[in-house]
C-alpha atoms as a PDB file:
ATOM      1  CA  MET A   1      -0.019  -0.009   0.022  1.00  0.00           C
ATOM      2  CA  ALA A   2       1.325   3.419  -0.945  1.00  0.00           C
ATOM      3  CA  ARG A   3       2.167   5.648   1.983  1.00  0.00           C
ATOM      4  CA  ARG A   4       0.150   8.800   2.133  1.00  0.00           C
ATOM      5  CA  THR A   5       2.431  11.798   1.777  1.00  0.00           C
ATOM      6  CA  LYS A   6       1.929  15.308   3.006  1.00  0.00           C
ATOM      7  CA  GLU A   7       1.239  16.486  -0.489  1.00  0.00           C
ATOM      8  CA  ASN A   8      -1.697  14.090  -1.194  1.00  0.00           C
ATOM      9  CA  SER A   9      -3.165  14.184   2.364  1.00  0.00           C
ATOM     10  CA  PRO A  10      -6.553  15.879   2.715  1.00  0.00           C
ATOM     11  CA  SER A  11      -6.119  19.518   3.676  1.00  0.00           C
ATOM     12  CA  VAL A  12      -8.383  22.399   4.566  1.00  0.00           C
ATOM     13  CA  GLY A  13      -8.695  24.421   1.400  1.00  0.00           C
ATOM     14  CA  SER A  14      -9.108  28.197   1.316  1.00  0.00           C
ATOM     15  CA  PRO A  15     -12.937  28.036   0.778  1.00  0.00           C
ATOM     16  CA  VAL A  16     -13.395  25.776   3.755  1.00  0.00           C
ATOM     17  CA  ARG A  17     -11.069  27.921   5.819  1.00  0.00           C
ATOM     18  CA  ALA A  18     -13.065  31.011   4.926  1.00  0.00           C
ATOM     19  CA  VAL A  19     -16.304  29.344   6.098  1.00  0.00           C
ATOM     20  CA  ILE A  20     -14.753  28.265   9.428  1.00  0.00           C
ATOM     21  CA  LEU A  21     -13.383  31.777  10.029  1.00  0.00           C
ATOM     22  CA  SER A  22     -16.839  33.238   9.275  1.00  0.00           C
ATOM     23  CA  LEU A  23     -18.490  30.887  11.744  1.00  0.00           C
ATOM     24  CA  LEU A  24     -15.987  31.787  14.426  1.00  0.00           C
ATOM     25  CA  VAL A  25     -16.517  35.523  13.884  1.00  0.00           C
ATOM     26  CA  THR A  26     -20.244  35.001  13.943  1.00  0.00           C
ATOM     27  CA  SER A  27     -20.150  32.982  17.158  1.00  0.00           C
ATOM     28  CA  CYS A  28     -17.999  35.525  18.842  1.00  0.00           C
ATOM     29  CA  GLY A  29     -20.216  38.399  17.762  1.00  0.00           C
ATOM     30  CA  ASN A  30     -19.179  41.781  16.485  1.00  0.00           C
ATOM     31  CA  PRO A  31     -18.641  44.541  19.032  1.00  0.00           C
ATOM     32  CA  PRO A  32     -21.207  47.328  18.812  1.00  0.00           C
ATOM     33  CA  PRO A  33     -19.931  50.625  17.268  1.00  0.00           C
ATOM     34  CA  PRO A  34     -18.903  53.309  19.726  1.00  0.00           C
ATOM     35  CA  ASP A  35     -21.702  55.593  20.894  1.00  0.00           C
ATOM     36  CA  PRO A  36     -20.973  59.151  19.653  1.00  0.00           C
ATOM     37  CA  TYR A  37     -22.957  60.731  22.521  1.00  0.00           C
ATOM     38  CA  CYS A  38     -22.354  58.439  25.464  1.00  0.00           C
ATOM     39  CA  SER A  39     -19.541  56.888  27.404  1.00  0.00           C
ATOM     40  CA  SER A  40     -19.268  54.271  30.163  1.00  0.00           C
ATOM     41  CA  ALA A  41     -17.455  54.660  33.490  1.00  0.00           C
ATOM     42  CA  SER A  42     -17.512  53.194  37.005  1.00  0.00           C
ATOM     43  CA  LEU A  43     -20.475  53.926  39.184  1.00  0.00           C
ATOM     44  CA  PRO A  44     -19.883  56.874  41.578  1.00  0.00           C
ATOM     45  CA  ALA A  45     -19.512  55.784  45.219  1.00  0.00           C
ATOM     46  CA  ASP A  46     -22.437  57.880  46.297  1.00  0.00           C
ATOM     47  CA  LEU A  47     -24.846  56.547  43.675  1.00  0.00           C
ATOM     48  CA  LYS A  48     -27.083  53.833  45.097  1.00  0.00           C
ATOM     49  CA  VAL A  49     -28.233  51.095  42.696  1.00  0.00           C
ATOM     50  CA  GLN A  50     -29.565  47.557  43.237  1.00  0.00           C
ATOM     51  CA  SER A  51     -27.221  44.620  42.657  1.00  0.00           C
ATOM     52  CA  GLY A  52     -26.750  44.026  38.911  1.00  0.00           C
ATOM     53  CA  GLN A  53     -28.122  47.410  37.921  1.00  0.00           C
ATOM     54  CA  GLY A  54     -26.291  50.141  35.994  1.00  0.00           C
ATOM     55  CA  ALA A  55     -27.167  53.835  35.841  1.00  0.00           C
ATOM     56  CA  LEU A  56     -27.913  56.405  33.054  1.00  0.00           C
ATOM     57  CA  GLN A  57     -27.249  60.103  33.100  1.00  0.00           C
ATOM     58  CA  VAL A  58     -27.944  62.638  30.366  1.00  0.00           C
ATOM     59  CA  ASP A  59     -26.328  66.062  30.593  1.00  0.00           C
ATOM     60  CA  GLY A  60     -27.430  69.302  29.070  1.00  0.00           C
ATOM     61  CA  THR A  61     -27.781  73.105  29.713  1.00  0.00           C
ATOM     62  CA  THR A  62     -31.573  73.410  30.195  1.00  0.00           C
ATOM     63  CA  PRO A  63     -33.916  72.269  33.066  1.00  0.00           C
ATOM     64  CA  VAL A  64     -35.707  69.668  31.077  1.00  0.00           C
ATOM     65  CA  GLN A  65     -36.262  65.894  31.706  1.00  0.00           C
ATOM     66  CA  PHE A  66     -34.834  63.007  29.708  1.00  0.00           C
ATOM     67  CA  LEU A  67     -37.351  60.154  29.375  1.00  0.00           C
ATOM     68  CA  VAL A  68     -36.216  56.475  29.373  1.00  0.00           C
ATOM     69  CA  PHE A  69     -38.211  53.835  27.503  1.00  0.00           C
ATOM     70  CA  HIS A  70     -37.734  50.160  26.667  1.00  0.00           C
ATOM     71  CA  LEU A  71     -37.252  49.528  22.987  1.00  0.00           C
ATOM     72  CA  ASP A  72     -40.900  48.540  22.811  1.00  0.00           C
ATOM     73  CA  ARG A  73     -41.667  52.150  24.006  1.00  0.00           C
ATOM     74  CA  LYS A  74     -42.819  51.147  27.526  1.00  0.00           C
ATOM     75  CA  PRO A  75     -41.821  53.894  30.020  1.00  0.00           C
ATOM     76  CA  VAL A  76     -38.995  53.118  32.480  1.00  0.00           C
ATOM     77  CA  ASP A  77     -38.163  56.322  34.266  1.00  0.00           C
ATOM     78  CA  ASN A  78     -37.264  60.030  33.866  1.00  0.00           C
ATOM     79  CA  LYS A  79     -34.881  62.530  35.463  1.00  0.00           C
ATOM     80  CA  LEU A  80     -33.828  66.100  34.935  1.00  0.00           C
ATOM     81  CA  LEU A  81     -30.731  66.568  32.745  1.00  0.00           C
ATOM     82  CA  GLY A  82     -27.628  66.175  34.854  1.00  0.00           C
ATOM     83  CA  ARG A  83     -29.058  63.577  37.173  1.00  0.00           C
ATOM     84  CA  ALA A  84     -28.635  59.752  37.114  1.00  0.00           C
ATOM     85  CA  VAL A  85     -31.262  57.127  37.095  1.00  0.00           C
ATOM     86  CA  ALA A  86     -30.756  53.422  38.065  1.00  0.00           C
ATOM     87  CA  VAL A  87     -31.810  50.938  35.416  1.00  0.00           C
ATOM     88  CA  LYS A  88     -31.238  47.314  34.546  1.00  0.00           C
ATOM     89  CA  PRO A  89     -28.584  46.466  31.936  1.00  0.00           C
ATOM     90  CA  GLY A  90     -29.914  46.678  28.375  1.00  0.00           C
ATOM     91  CA  GLN A  91     -30.728  48.934  25.512  1.00  0.00           C
ATOM     92  CA  TYR A  92     -33.165  51.914  26.007  1.00  0.00           C
ATOM     93  CA  ARG A  93     -34.809  54.625  23.880  1.00  0.00           C
ATOM     94  CA  VAL A  94     -33.914  57.968  25.571  1.00  0.00           C
ATOM     95  CA  THR A  95     -35.815  61.061  24.541  1.00  0.00           C
ATOM     96  CA  VAL A  96     -34.897  64.690  25.093  1.00  0.00           C
ATOM     97  CA  ASN A  97     -37.454  67.184  23.855  1.00  0.00           C
ATOM     98  CA  ASN A  98     -38.901  64.580  21.458  1.00  0.00           C
ATOM     99  CA  THR A  99     -35.538  63.722  19.917  1.00  0.00           C
ATOM    100  CA  VAL A 100     -34.509  60.120  20.425  1.00  0.00           C
ATOM    101  CA  HIS A 101     -31.234  58.160  20.829  1.00  0.00           C
ATOM    102  CA  THR A 102     -30.755  54.463  21.647  1.00  0.00           C
ATOM    103  CA  VAL A 103     -28.452  54.008  24.669  1.00  0.00           C
ATOM    104  CA  THR A 104     -26.840  50.845  26.004  1.00  0.00           C
ATOM    105  CA  VAL A 105     -26.443  50.518  29.792  1.00  0.00           C
ATOM    106  CA  GLU A 106     -24.068  47.998  31.412  1.00  0.00           C
ATOM    107  CA  GLY A 107     -24.467  46.446  34.830  1.00  0.00           C
ATOM    108  CA  GLY A 108     -22.287  48.121  37.447  1.00  0.00           C
ATOM    109  CA  LYS A 109     -21.441  51.028  35.100  1.00  0.00           C
ATOM    110  CA  LEU A 110     -22.593  54.567  34.693  1.00  0.00           C
ATOM    111  CA  THR A 111     -23.577  55.433  31.085  1.00  0.00           C
ATOM    112  CA  ARG A 112     -23.208  59.210  30.775  1.00  0.00           C
ATOM    113  CA  CYS A 113     -24.486  60.969  27.699  1.00  0.00           C
ATOM    114  CA  ALA A 114     -24.463  64.573  26.434  1.00  0.00           C
ATOM    115  CA  THR A 115     -26.857  66.693  24.417  1.00  0.00           C
ATOM    116  CA  GLY A 116     -26.516  69.927  22.527  1.00  0.00           C
ATOM    117  CA  THR A 117     -28.400  73.204  22.865  1.00  0.00           C
ATOM    118  CA  LEU A 118     -30.313  75.223  20.249  1.00  0.00           C
ATOM    119  CA  LEU A 119     -31.259  78.895  20.941  1.00  0.00           C
ATOM    120  CA  VAL A 120     -33.147  81.356  18.723  1.00  0.00           C
ATOM    121  CA  THR A 121     -33.025  84.978  19.853  1.00  0.00           C
ATOM    122  CA  GLY A 122     -35.080  88.041  19.004  1.00  0.00           C
ATOM    123  CA  THR A 123     -36.666  91.199  20.433  1.00  0.00           C
ATOM    124  CA  THR A 124     -40.297  90.061  20.396  1.00  0.00           C
ATOM    125  CA  GLU A 125     -42.311  87.555  22.277  1.00  0.00           C
ATOM    126  CA  ASP A 126     -42.783  85.297  19.200  1.00  0.00           C
ATOM    127  CA  THR A 127     -42.540  81.530  19.401  1.00  0.00           C
ATOM    128  CA  TRP A 128     -39.927  79.507  17.520  1.00  0.00           C
ATOM    129  CA  TYR A 129     -40.638  75.999  16.267  1.00  0.00           C
ATOM    130  CA  VAL A 130     -38.279  73.036  15.802  1.00  0.00           C
ATOM    131  CA  GLN A 131     -39.098  70.420  13.104  1.00  0.00           C
ATOM    132  CA  GLU A 132     -37.495  67.341  11.694  1.00  0.00           C
ATOM    133  CA  LEU A 133     -36.155  67.826   8.109  1.00  0.00           C
ATOM    134  CA  SER A 134     -39.360  66.023   7.000  1.00  0.00           C
ATOM    135  CA  GLY A 135     -41.395  68.822   8.626  1.00  0.00           C
ATOM    136  CA  ALA A 136     -42.622  66.765  11.547  1.00  0.00           C
ATOM    137  CA  ALA A 137     -42.992  68.867  14.757  1.00  0.00           C
ATOM    138  CA  VAL A 138     -40.361  68.380  17.488  1.00  0.00           C
ATOM    139  CA  GLU A 139     -40.628  71.211  20.037  1.00  0.00           C
ATOM    140  CA  GLN A 140     -41.403  74.940  20.412  1.00  0.00           C
ATOM    141  CA  THR A 141     -40.696  77.756  22.953  1.00  0.00           C
ATOM    142  CA  ARG A 142     -40.489  81.513  23.142  1.00  0.00           C
ATOM    143  CA  LEU A 143     -37.585  83.439  21.579  1.00  0.00           C
ATOM    144  CA  GLY A 144     -34.641  83.735  23.897  1.00  0.00           C
ATOM    145  CA  ARG A 145     -35.338  80.402  25.608  1.00  0.00           C
ATOM    146  CA  PRO A 146     -32.930  77.571  24.775  1.00  0.00           C
ATOM    147  CA  LEU A 147     -33.846  73.928  24.108  1.00  0.00           C
ATOM    148  CA  SER A 148     -31.737  70.823  24.542  1.00  0.00           C
ATOM    149  CA  PHE A 149     -31.686  68.115  21.862  1.00  0.00           C
ATOM    150  CA  TRP A 150     -29.741  65.046  20.867  1.00  0.00           C
ATOM    151  CA  PRO A 151     -27.353  66.249  18.081  1.00  0.00           C
ATOM    152  CA  GLY A 152     -28.688  66.465  14.560  1.00  0.00           C
ATOM    153  CA  THR A 153     -29.861  68.782  11.831  1.00  0.00           C
ATOM    154  CA  PHE A 154     -33.314  70.407  12.180  1.00  0.00           C
ATOM    155  CA  ARG A 155     -35.690  72.889  10.551  1.00  0.00           C
ATOM    156  CA  VAL A 156     -36.400  75.975  12.569  1.00  0.00           C
ATOM    157  CA  LYS A 157     -39.383  78.267  11.960  1.00  0.00           C
ATOM    158  CA  VAL A 158     -40.202  81.750  13.154  1.00  0.00           C
ATOM    159  CA  ASN A 159     -43.451  83.407  11.866  1.00  0.00           C
ATOM    160  CA  ASN A 160     -43.315  80.941   8.889  1.00  0.00           C
ATOM    161  CA  THR A 161     -39.786  81.908   7.908  1.00  0.00           C
ATOM    162  CA  LEU A 162     -37.498  78.855   7.806  1.00  0.00           C
ATOM    163  CA  THR A 163     -33.852  77.979   8.212  1.00  0.00           C
ATOM    164  CA  THR A 164     -31.898  74.905   9.170  1.00  0.00           C
ATOM    165  CA  ALA A 165     -29.734  74.459  12.236  1.00  0.00           C
ATOM    166  CA  GLN A 166     -27.239  71.805  13.263  1.00  0.00           C
ATOM    167  CA  VAL A 167     -27.247  70.878  17.025  1.00  0.00           C
ATOM    168  CA  LYS A 168     -23.825  69.760  18.040  1.00  0.00           C
ATOM    169  CA  LEU A 169     -22.664  67.812  21.063  1.00  0.00           C
ATOM    170  CA  ASN A 170     -21.900  69.983  24.132  1.00  0.00           C
ATOM    171  CA  GLN A 171     -22.282  73.169  22.093  1.00  0.00           C
ATOM    172  CA  VAL A 172     -24.878  75.986  21.904  1.00  0.00           C
ATOM    173  CA  THR A 173     -26.066  76.755  18.427  1.00  0.00           C
ATOM    174  CA  GLU A 174     -27.579  80.192  18.283  1.00  0.00           C
ATOM    175  CA  LEU A 175     -29.704  81.607  15.502  1.00  0.00           C
ATOM    176  CA  LYS A 176     -30.524  85.332  15.454  1.00  0.00           C
ATOM    177  CA  THR A 177     -33.699  86.811  14.018  1.00  0.00           C
ATOM    178  CA  GLY A 178     -34.280  90.379  12.990  1.00  0.00           C
ATOM    179  CA  SER A 179     -37.380  92.423  13.644  1.00  0.00           C
ATOM    180  CA  LEU A 180     -39.733  94.028  11.177  1.00  0.00           C
ATOM    181  CA  VAL A 181     -42.324  96.760  11.970  1.00  0.00           C
ATOM    182  CA  VAL A 182     -44.561  98.604   9.570  1.00  0.00           C
ATOM    183  CA  GLU A 183     -45.553 102.175  10.633  1.00  0.00           C
ATOM    184  CA  GLY A 184     -48.616 103.909   9.237  1.00  0.00           C
ATOM    185  CA  ILE A 185     -52.413 103.913   9.132  1.00  0.00           C
ATOM    186  CA  GLY A 186     -54.339 100.820   8.370  1.00  0.00           C
ATOM    187  CA  PRO A 187     -55.828  97.625   9.804  1.00  0.00           C
ATOM    188  CA  GLY A 188     -52.487  95.779   9.598  1.00  0.00           C
ATOM    189  CA  TYR A 189     -49.756  94.565   7.293  1.00  0.00           C
ATOM    190  CA  HIS A 190     -48.938  91.259   5.565  1.00  0.00           C
ATOM    191  CA  VAL A 191     -45.470  89.895   5.161  1.00  0.00           C
ATOM    192  CA  MET A 192     -44.734  87.809   2.013  1.00  0.00           C
ATOM    193  CA  ASP A 193     -41.720  86.090   0.668  1.00  0.00           C
ATOM    194  CA  LYS A 194     -40.246  87.122  -2.718  1.00  0.00           C
ATOM    195  CA  ALA A 195     -42.321  84.419  -4.472  1.00  0.00           C
ATOM    196  CA  GLY A 196     -45.489  86.074  -3.184  1.00  0.00           C
ATOM    197  CA  ALA A 197     -46.378  83.433  -0.482  1.00  0.00           C
ATOM    198  CA  SER A 198     -48.099  84.993   2.572  1.00  0.00           C
ATOM    199  CA  LEU A 199     -46.028  84.459   5.735  1.00  0.00           C
ATOM    200  CA  GLU A 200     -47.620  86.351   8.572  1.00  0.00           C
ATOM    201  CA  HIS A 201     -50.053  89.227   9.443  1.00  0.00           C
ATOM    202  CA  LYS A 202     -49.590  91.860  12.138  1.00  0.00           C
ATOM    203  CA  LEU A 203     -51.283  95.051  13.343  1.00  0.00           C
ATOM    204  CA  MET A 204     -49.571  98.315  12.349  1.00  0.00           C
ATOM    205  CA  ASP A 205     -46.740  99.486  14.491  1.00  0.00           C
ATOM    206  CA  ARG A 206     -46.273  96.077  16.021  1.00  0.00           C
ATOM    207  CA  ALA A 207     -43.063  94.156  15.302  1.00  0.00           C
ATOM    208  CA  LEU A 208     -42.544  90.668  13.961  1.00  0.00           C
ATOM    209  CA  SER A 209     -39.412  88.521  14.367  1.00  0.00           C
ATOM    210  CA  LEU A 210     -38.212  86.953  11.081  1.00  0.00           C
ATOM    211  CA  PHE A 211     -35.171  85.123   9.965  1.00  0.00           C
ATOM    212  CA  PRO A 212     -32.812  87.269   7.765  1.00  0.00           C
ATOM    213  CA  GLY A 213     -33.931  87.677   4.242  1.00  0.00           C
ATOM    214  CA  GLU A 214     -35.734  89.886   1.664  1.00  0.00           C
ATOM    215  CA  TYR A 215     -39.556  90.204   1.963  1.00  0.00           C
ATOM    216  CA  ASN A 216     -42.453  92.136   0.605  1.00  0.00           C
ATOM    217  CA  VAL A 217     -44.773  94.128   2.866  1.00  0.00           C
ATOM    218  CA  GLU A 218     -48.363  94.680   1.821  1.00  0.00           C
ATOM    219  CA  VAL A 219     -50.697  97.229   3.282  1.00  0.00           C
ATOM    220  CA  GLY A 220     -54.008  97.424   1.421  1.00  0.00           C
ATOM    221  CA  GLU A 221     -53.114  97.440  -2.214  1.00  0.00           C
ATOM    222  CA  SER A 222     -49.654  98.850  -1.683  1.00  0.00           C
ATOM    223  CA  THR A 223     -46.523  96.725  -1.543  1.00  0.00           C
ATOM    224  CA  ARG A 224     -43.034  97.612  -0.562  1.00  0.00           C
ATOM    225  CA  PRO A 225     -39.848  95.651  -0.079  1.00  0.00           C
ATOM    226  CA  ALA A 226     -38.176  95.018   3.233  1.00  0.00           C
ATOM    227  CA  LYS A 227     -34.780  93.535   4.127  1.00  0.00           C
ATOM    228  CA  VAL A 228     -34.453  91.886   7.508  1.00  0.00           C
ATOM    229  CA  GLU A 229     -30.917  91.384   8.946  1.00  0.00           C
ATOM    230  CA  ALA A 230     -29.932  89.320  12.007  1.00  0.00           C
ATOM    231  CA  GLY A 231     -30.128  91.301  15.203  1.00  0.00           C
ATOM    232  CA  GLN A 232     -31.316  94.400  13.441  1.00  0.00           C
ATOM    233  CA  ALA A 233     -34.596  96.287  13.480  1.00  0.00           C
ATOM    234  CA  THR A 234     -36.209  97.110  10.089  1.00  0.00           C
ATOM    235  CA  SER A 235     -38.882  99.747   9.876  1.00  0.00           C
ATOM    236  CA  VAL A 236     -41.066 100.305   6.792  1.00  0.00           C
ATOM    237  CA  LYS A 237     -43.337 103.380   6.595  1.00  0.00           C
ATOM    238  CA  PHE A 238     -46.581 103.625   4.676  1.00  0.00           C
END
């Protein structure tokens, strides 16, 4: 009988080796990608949690609550920004002013996350609105009052004038409006964009906050142009 040599012995070919390596990788599991907004550290000594629990803290610059939900949207707990809440290990949906981020909490660890701040300023008492890029409503407040959000890009609206803003981690993004007032006699004035679309109506001699841009002002049958600049007051007389 011929002796089997090394050259004619069965060997693991490259296709078989690739399958084995693939199975090994699959069985070991791939580590999750790093969380851009959260980090994990040891639990503080003064933070009391039950055995096996971890803790979650979301930081921000405004006195608003973060809400913790299971992935099936069942509520878990809530705390003010800057305070920690004890939770079981696992993944959670965490909302801040209706913006959402999925957070993983480990047992015996503090998962600490950060938000960004958006602020729209102006000289009137008008309301500013935050929307998703799709136009879906997110949150609203008065000019001069900041809002905390998970980082992202949003649409911002003031008196139907629109711009986009990027909320960045641990930063304050400020948008400045300008004011427009129409002086004269009449029941009120209408503000329109350059395409002729109506934006807002106001009584004479009362100011509106608008994002910077060029507009048309209509009083009765008369129309005049108006340019609004950030942080500046524009007056149009009829």
